[in-house]
Structure formats: structure tokens, C-alpha cells
PDB file of all heavy atoms in Angstrom:
ATOM      1  N   SER A   1       0.845  -1.205   0.010  1.00  0.00           N
ATOM      2  CA  SER A   1      -0.002   0.004   0.007  1.00  0.00           C
ATOM      3  C   SER A   1       0.874   1.236  -0.013  1.00  0.00           C
ATOM      4  O   SER A   1       2.056   1.190   0.339  1.00  0.00           O
ATOM      5  CB  SER A   1      -0.894   0.003   1.242  1.00  0.00           C
ATOM      6  OG  SER A   1      -0.113   0.221   2.410  1.00  0.00           O
ATOM      7  N   ASP A   2       0.313   2.348  -0.382  1.00  0.00           N
ATOM      8  CA  ASP A   2       1.039   3.630  -0.358  1.00  0.00           C
ATOM      9  C   ASP A   2       1.555   3.939   1.055  1.00  0.00           C
ATOM     10  O   ASP A   2       2.644   4.447   1.231  1.00  0.00           O
ATOM     11  CB  ASP A   2       0.133   4.766  -0.842  1.00  0.00           C
ATOM     12  CG  ASP A   2      -0.155   4.691  -2.340  1.00  0.00           C
ATOM     13  OD1 ASP A   2       0.545   3.960  -3.051  1.00  0.00           O
ATOM     14  OD2 ASP A   2      -1.086   5.373  -2.774  1.00  0.00           O
ATOM     15  N   GLU A   3       0.736   3.618   2.056  1.00  0.00           N
ATOM     16  CA  GLU A   3       1.127   3.849   3.430  1.00  0.00           C
ATOM     17  C   GLU A   3       2.317   2.999   3.824  1.00  0.00           C
ATOM     18  O   GLU A   3       3.269   3.469   4.480  1.00  0.00           O
ATOM     19  CB  GLU A   3      -0.061   3.541   4.342  1.00  0.00           C
ATOM     20  CG  GLU A   3       0.190   3.842   5.799  1.00  0.00           C
ATOM     21  CD  GLU A   3      -1.060   3.592   6.588  1.00  0.00           C
ATOM     22  OE1 GLU A   3      -1.914   4.490   6.630  1.00  0.00           O
ATOM     23  OE2 GLU A   3      -1.170   2.484   7.163  1.00  0.00           O
ATOM     24  N   THR A   4       2.341   1.734   3.417  1.00  0.00           N
ATOM     25  CA  THR A   4       3.452   0.845   3.714  1.00  0.00           C
ATOM     26  C   THR A   4       4.717   1.352   3.038  1.00  0.00           C
ATOM     27  O   THR A   4       5.798   1.360   3.648  1.00  0.00           O
ATOM     28  CB  THR A   4       3.144  -0.588   3.289  1.00  0.00           C
ATOM     29  OG1 THR A   4       1.997  -1.052   4.014  1.00  0.00           O
ATOM     30  CG2 THR A   4       4.307  -1.526   3.539  1.00  0.00           C
ATOM     31  N   VAL A   5       4.610   1.795   1.827  1.00  0.00           N
ATOM     32  CA  VAL A   5       5.766   2.317   1.099  1.00  0.00           C
ATOM     33  C   VAL A   5       6.300   3.552   1.828  1.00  0.00           C
ATOM     34  O   VAL A   5       7.502   3.725   2.005  1.00  0.00           O
ATOM     35  CB  VAL A   5       5.411   2.641  -0.359  1.00  0.00           C
ATOM     36  CG1 VAL A   5       6.518   3.424  -1.061  1.00  0.00           C
ATOM     37  CG2 VAL A   5       5.066   1.388  -1.124  1.00  0.00           C
ATOM     38  N   ALA A   6       5.408   4.414   2.290  1.00  0.00           N
ATOM     39  CA  ALA A   6       5.825   5.615   3.020  1.00  0.00           C
ATOM     40  C   ALA A   6       6.528   5.256   4.336  1.00  0.00           C
ATOM     41  O   ALA A   6       7.561   5.865   4.687  1.00  0.00           O
ATOM     42  CB  ALA A   6       4.621   6.505   3.314  1.00  0.00           C
ATOM     43  N   LEU A   7       6.031   4.239   5.031  1.00  0.00           N
ATOM     44  CA  LEU A   7       6.664   3.801   6.258  1.00  0.00           C
ATOM     45  C   LEU A   7       8.065   3.216   5.976  1.00  0.00           C
ATOM     46  O   LEU A   7       8.994   3.465   6.720  1.00  0.00           O
ATOM     47  CB  LEU A   7       5.787   2.793   7.000  1.00  0.00           C
ATOM     48  CG  LEU A   7       4.556   3.350   7.678  1.00  0.00           C
ATOM     49  CD1 LEU A   7       3.624   2.230   8.091  1.00  0.00           C
ATOM     50  CD2 LEU A   7       4.960   4.203   8.877  1.00  0.00           C
ATOM     51  N   LEU A   8       8.173   2.437   4.925  1.00  0.00           N
ATOM     52  CA  LEU A   8       9.461   1.874   4.553  1.00  0.00           C
ATOM     53  C   LEU A   8      10.433   3.009   4.215  1.00  0.00           C
ATOM     54  O   LEU A   8      11.604   2.989   4.637  1.00  0.00           O
ATOM     55  CB  LEU A   8       9.314   0.932   3.346  1.00  0.00           C
ATOM     56  CG  LEU A   8       8.732  -0.430   3.653  1.00  0.00           C
ATOM     57  CD1 LEU A   8       8.373  -1.137   2.348  1.00  0.00           C
ATOM     58  CD2 LEU A   8       9.691  -1.257   4.474  1.00  0.00           C
ATOM     59  N   GLU A   9       9.976   3.962   3.441  1.00  0.00           N
ATOM     60  CA  GLU A   9      10.846   5.090   3.074  1.00  0.00           C
ATOM     61  C   GLU A   9      11.285   5.847   4.315  1.00  0.00           C
ATOM     62  O   GLU A   9      12.460   6.222   4.457  1.00  0.00           O
ATOM     63  CB  GLU A   9      10.154   6.023   2.100  1.00  0.00           C
ATOM     64  CG  GLU A   9      11.058   7.145   1.668  1.00  0.00           C
ATOM     65  CD  GLU A   9      10.462   8.000   0.549  1.00  0.00           C
ATOM     66  OE1 GLU A   9       9.295   7.797   0.160  1.00  0.00           O
ATOM     67  OE2 GLU A   9      11.184   8.887   0.075  1.00  0.00           O
ATOM     68  N   SER A  10      10.378   6.067   5.235  1.00  0.00           N
ATOM     69  CA  SER A  10      10.708   6.791   6.471  1.00  0.00           C
ATOM     70  C   SER A  10      11.780   6.031   7.262  1.00  0.00           C
ATOM     71  O   SER A  10      12.744   6.619   7.725  1.00  0.00           O
ATOM     72  CB  SER A  10       9.444   6.985   7.302  1.00  0.00           C
ATOM     73  OG  SER A  10       9.731   7.686   8.480  1.00  0.00           O
ATOM     74  N   ALA A  11      11.614   4.719   7.379  1.00  0.00           N
ATOM     75  CA  ALA A  11      12.590   3.910   8.134  1.00  0.00           C
ATOM     76  C   ALA A  11      13.941   3.902   7.436  1.00  0.00           C
ATOM     77  O   ALA A  11      14.986   4.001   8.100  1.00  0.00           O
ATOM     78  CB  ALA A  11      12.060   2.497   8.287  1.00  0.00           C
ATOM     79  N   ILE A  12      13.937   3.831   6.130  1.00  0.00           N
ATOM     80  CA  ILE A  12      15.218   3.821   5.386  1.00  0.00           C
ATOM     81  C   ILE A  12      15.907   5.180   5.503  1.00  0.00           C
ATOM     82  O   ILE A  12      17.122   5.274   5.686  1.00  0.00           O
ATOM     83  CB  ILE A  12      14.977   3.413   3.917  1.00  0.00           C
ATOM     84  CG1 ILE A  12      14.551   1.935   3.876  1.00  0.00           C
ATOM     85  CG2 ILE A  12      16.226   3.647   3.077  1.00  0.00           C
ATOM     86  CD1 ILE A  12      13.985   1.508   2.537  1.00  0.00           C
ATOM     87  N   LEU A  13      15.127   6.268   5.418  1.00  0.00           N
ATOM     88  CA  LEU A  13      15.700   7.597   5.606  1.00  0.00           C
ATOM     89  C   LEU A  13      16.304   7.730   7.001  1.00  0.00           C
ATOM     90  O   LEU A  13      17.402   8.286   7.164  1.00  0.00           O
ATOM     91  CB  LEU A  13      14.634   8.656   5.379  1.00  0.00           C
ATOM     92  CG  LEU A  13      14.223   8.918   3.923  1.00  0.00           C
ATOM     93  CD1 LEU A  13      12.916   9.700   3.873  1.00  0.00           C
ATOM     94  CD2 LEU A  13      15.341   9.674   3.205  1.00  0.00           C
ATOM     95  N   LEU A  14      15.609   7.211   7.987  1.00  0.00           N
ATOM     96  CA  LEU A  14      16.118   7.258   9.349  1.00  0.00           C
ATOM     97  C   LEU A  14      17.438   6.507   9.464  1.00  0.00           C
ATOM     98  O   LEU A  14      18.404   7.003  10.054  1.00  0.00           O
ATOM     99  CB  LEU A  14      15.087   6.662  10.295  1.00  0.00           C
ATOM    100  CG  LEU A  14      15.424   6.659  11.785  1.00  0.00           C
ATOM    101  CD1 LEU A  14      15.589   8.085  12.283  1.00  0.00           C
ATOM    102  CD2 LEU A  14      14.302   5.962  12.550  1.00  0.00           C
ATOM    103  N   TRP A  15      17.520   5.332   8.841  1.00  0.00           N
ATOM    104  CA  TRP A  15      18.739   4.528   8.881  1.00  0.00           C
ATOM    105  C   TRP A  15      19.901   5.280   8.228  1.00  0.00           C
ATOM    106  O   TRP A  15      21.045   5.119   8.652  1.00  0.00           O
ATOM    107  CB  TRP A  15      18.486   3.215   8.163  1.00  0.00           C
ATOM    108  CG  TRP A  15      19.689   2.335   8.167  1.00  0.00           C
ATOM    109  CD1 TRP A  15      20.552   2.080   7.133  1.00  0.00           C
ATOM    110  CD2 TRP A  15      20.194   1.563   9.270  1.00  0.00           C
ATOM    111  NE1 TRP A  15      21.542   1.237   7.511  1.00  0.00           N
ATOM    112  CE2 TRP A  15      21.352   0.899   8.845  1.00  0.00           C
ATOM    113  CE3 TRP A  15      19.783   1.410  10.578  1.00  0.00           C
ATOM    114  CZ2 TRP A  15      22.102   0.083   9.655  1.00  0.00           C
ATOM    115  CZ3 TRP A  15      20.530   0.571  11.422  1.00  0.00           C
ATOM    116  CH2 TRP A  15      21.667  -0.071  10.946  1.00  0.00           C
ATOM    117  N   HIS A  16      19.615   6.107   7.262  1.00  0.00           N
ATOM    118  CA  HIS A  16      20.667   6.850   6.561  1.00  0.00           C
ATOM    119  C   HIS A  16      20.849   8.258   7.132  1.00  0.00           C
ATOM    120  O   HIS A  16      21.344   9.143   6.442  1.00  0.00           O
ATOM    121  CB  HIS A  16      20.362   6.915   5.047  1.00  0.00           C
ATOM    122  CG  HIS A  16      20.611   5.588   4.376  1.00  0.00           C
ATOM    123  ND1 HIS A  16      21.859   5.217   3.935  1.00  0.00           N
ATOM    124  CD2 HIS A  16      19.777   4.560   4.094  1.00  0.00           C
ATOM    125  CE1 HIS A  16      21.780   4.019   3.378  1.00  0.00           C
ATOM    126  NE2 HIS A  16      20.541   3.598   3.479  1.00  0.00           N
ATOM    127  N   ASP A  17      20.438   8.479   8.375  1.00  0.00           N
ATOM    128  CA  ASP A  17      20.685   9.713   9.117  1.00  0.00           C
ATOM    129  C   ASP A  17      19.908  10.922   8.617  1.00  0.00           C
ATOM    130  O   ASP A  17      20.299  12.051   8.898  1.00  0.00           O
ATOM    131  CB  ASP A  17      22.179  10.040   9.165  1.00  0.00           C
ATOM    132  CG  ASP A  17      23.021   8.920   9.774  1.00  0.00           C
ATOM    133  OD1 ASP A  17      22.486   8.165  10.605  1.00  0.00           O
ATOM    134  OD2 ASP A  17      24.201   8.822   9.419  1.00  0.00           O
ATOM    135  N   HIS A  18      18.821  10.729   7.904  1.00  0.00           N
ATOM    136  CA  HIS A  18      18.000  11.821   7.425  1.00  0.00           C
ATOM    137  C   HIS A  18      16.776  11.967   8.325  1.00  0.00           C
ATOM    138  O   HIS A  18      15.640  11.629   7.972  1.00  0.00           O
ATOM    139  CB  HIS A  18      17.595  11.611   5.962  1.00  0.00           C
ATOM    140  CG  HIS A  18      18.763  11.429   5.051  1.00  0.00           C
ATOM    141  ND1 HIS A  18      19.680  12.438   4.814  1.00  0.00           N
ATOM    142  CD2 HIS A  18      19.198  10.368   4.348  1.00  0.00           C
ATOM    143  CE1 HIS A  18      20.596  12.010   3.973  1.00  0.00           C
ATOM    144  NE2 HIS A  18      20.342  10.749   3.694  1.00  0.00           N
ATOM    145  N   LEU A  19      17.047  12.437   9.549  1.00  0.00           N
ATOM    146  CA  LEU A  19      16.023  12.446  10.587  1.00  0.00           C
ATOM    147  C   LEU A  19      14.831  13.341  10.259  1.00  0.00           C
ATOM    148  O   LEU A  19      13.671  12.965  10.467  1.00  0.00           O
ATOM    149  CB  LEU A  19      16.625  12.867  11.929  1.00  0.00           C
ATOM    150  CG  LEU A  19      17.842  12.062  12.370  1.00  0.00           C
ATOM    151  CD1 LEU A  19      18.333  12.570  13.722  1.00  0.00           C
ATOM    152  CD2 LEU A  19      17.560  10.573  12.436  1.00  0.00           C
ATOM    153  N   ASP A  20      15.084  14.555   9.777  1.00  0.00           N
ATOM    154  CA  ASP A  20      13.988  15.482   9.480  1.00  0.00           C
ATOM    155  C   ASP A  20      13.065  14.939   8.390  1.00  0.00           C
ATOM    156  O   ASP A  20      11.860  15.023   8.519  1.00  0.00           O
ATOM    157  CB  ASP A  20      14.522  16.855   9.077  1.00  0.00           C
ATOM    158  CG  ASP A  20      15.178  17.597  10.231  1.00  0.00           C
ATOM    159  OD1 ASP A  20      14.870  17.269  11.422  1.00  0.00           O
ATOM    160  OD2 ASP A  20      16.010  18.481   9.979  1.00  0.00           O
ATOM    161  N   GLU A  21      13.649  14.408   7.363  1.00  0.00           N
ATOM    162  CA  GLU A  21      12.843  13.851   6.266  1.00  0.00           C
ATOM    163  C   GLU A  21      12.035  12.644   6.696  1.00  0.00           C
ATOM    164  O   GLU A  21      10.857  12.501   6.359  1.00  0.00           O
ATOM    165  CB  GLU A  21      13.754  13.478   5.065  1.00  0.00           C
ATOM    166  CG  GLU A  21      14.422  14.670   4.391  1.00  0.00           C
ATOM    167  CD  GLU A  21      15.694  15.163   5.093  1.00  0.00           C
ATOM    168  OE1 GLU A  21      16.048  14.647   6.164  1.00  0.00           O
ATOM    169  OE2 GLU A  21      16.293  16.090   4.540  1.00  0.00           O
ATOM    170  N   ALA A  22      12.656  11.764   7.492  1.00  0.00           N
ATOM    171  CA  ALA A  22      11.954  10.595   8.008  1.00  0.00           C
ATOM    172  C   ALA A  22      10.791  11.026   8.908  1.00  0.00           C
ATOM    173  O   ALA A  22       9.687  10.488   8.820  1.00  0.00           O
ATOM    174  CB  ALA A  22      12.924   9.694   8.787  1.00  0.00           C
ATOM    175  N   HIS A  23      11.053  11.998   9.751  1.00  0.00           N
ATOM    176  CA  HIS A  23      10.040  12.500  10.673  1.00  0.00           C
ATOM    177  C   HIS A  23       8.837  13.069   9.903  1.00  0.00           C
ATOM    178  O   HIS A  23       7.687  12.804  10.257  1.00  0.00           O
ATOM    179  CB  HIS A  23      10.666  13.577  11.570  1.00  0.00           C
ATOM    180  CG  HIS A  23       9.709  14.150  12.555  1.00  0.00           C
ATOM    181  ND1 HIS A  23       9.143  15.373  12.401  1.00  0.00           N
ATOM    182  CD2 HIS A  23       9.242  13.660  13.704  1.00  0.00           C
ATOM    183  CE1 HIS A  23       8.338  15.625  13.412  1.00  0.00           C
ATOM    184  NE2 HIS A  23       8.381  14.584  14.240  1.00  0.00           N
ATOM    185  N   GLY A  24       9.130  13.831   8.885  1.00  0.00           N
ATOM    186  CA  GLY A  24       8.045  14.429   8.102  1.00  0.00           C
ATOM    187  C   GLY A  24       7.115  13.427   7.477  1.00  0.00           C
ATOM    188  O   GLY A  24       5.896  13.629   7.401  1.00  0.00           O
ATOM    189  N   ILE A  25       7.670  12.297   7.052  1.00  0.00           N
ATOM    190  CA  ILE A  25       6.856  11.252   6.427  1.00  0.00           C
ATOM    191  C   ILE A  25       6.018  10.508   7.468  1.00  0.00           C
ATOM    192  O   ILE A  25       4.804  10.396   7.348  1.00  0.00           O
ATOM    193  CB  ILE A  25       7.739  10.276   5.634  1.00  0.00           C
ATOM    194  CG1 ILE A  25       8.355  10.976   4.419  1.00  0.00           C
ATOM    195  CG2 ILE A  25       6.924   9.055   5.179  1.00  0.00           C
ATOM    196  CD1 ILE A  25       9.409  10.166   3.723  1.00  0.00           C
ATOM    197  N   CYS A  26       6.671   9.985   8.498  1.00  0.00           N
ATOM    198  CA  CYS A  26       5.948   9.145   9.437  1.00  0.00           C
ATOM    199  C   CYS A  26       4.959   9.930  10.292  1.00  0.00           C
ATOM    200  O   CYS A  26       3.946   9.385  10.735  1.00  0.00           O
ATOM    201  CB  CYS A  26       6.900   8.333  10.301  1.00  0.00           C
ATOM    202  SG  CYS A  26       7.913   9.299  11.434  1.00  0.00           S
ATOM    203  N   GLN A  27       5.204  11.208  10.489  1.00  0.00           N
ATOM    204  CA  GLN A  27       4.281  12.016  11.286  1.00  0.00           C
ATOM    205  C   GLN A  27       2.925  12.194  10.594  1.00  0.00           C
ATOM    206  O   GLN A  27       1.925  12.377  11.246  1.00  0.00           O
ATOM    207  CB  GLN A  27       4.905  13.386  11.572  1.00  0.00           C
ATOM    208  CG  GLN A  27       4.133  14.187  12.563  1.00  0.00           C
ATOM    209  CD  GLN A  27       4.876  15.447  12.964  1.00  0.00           C
ATOM    210  OE1 GLN A  27       5.768  15.906  12.269  1.00  0.00           O
ATOM    211  NE2 GLN A  27       4.504  16.024  14.068  1.00  0.00           N
ATOM    212  N   ARG A  28       2.900  12.046   9.278  1.00  0.00           N
ATOM    213  CA  ARG A  28       1.636  12.182   8.527  1.00  0.00           C
ATOM    214  C   ARG A  28       0.832  10.897   8.490  1.00  0.00           C
ATOM    215  O   ARG A  28      -0.302  10.895   7.984  1.00  0.00           O
ATOM    216  CB  ARG A  28       1.927  12.650   7.090  1.00  0.00           C
ATOM    217  CG  ARG A  28       2.453  14.061   7.007  1.00  0.00           C
ATOM    218  CD  ARG A  28       2.546  14.551   5.568  1.00  0.00           C
ATOM    219  NE  ARG A  28       3.494  13.794   4.760  1.00  0.00           N
ATOM    220  CZ  ARG A  28       4.770  14.130   4.565  1.00  0.00           C
ATOM    221  NH1 ARG A  28       5.238  15.205   5.124  1.00  0.00           N
ATOM    222  NH2 ARG A  28       5.546  13.389   3.816  1.00  0.00           N
TER     223      ARG A  28
END
């Protein structure tokens, strides 16, 4: 689902030290 893809992207961004970008996705 689009939501699952967004959660995966957020987790991957977090793993790669992109905290602000990850936060923006998962907060929505």
C-alpha cells in the first residue's frame, strides 16, 4: 500500500541519518 511504502521510506531515511525527512513522512 502507499502507506506501507511511506513507512518503509521513512525507516530507510532514518537509517541513513536523514532524521527530518523521516520525521516528516511518518508524522503524517
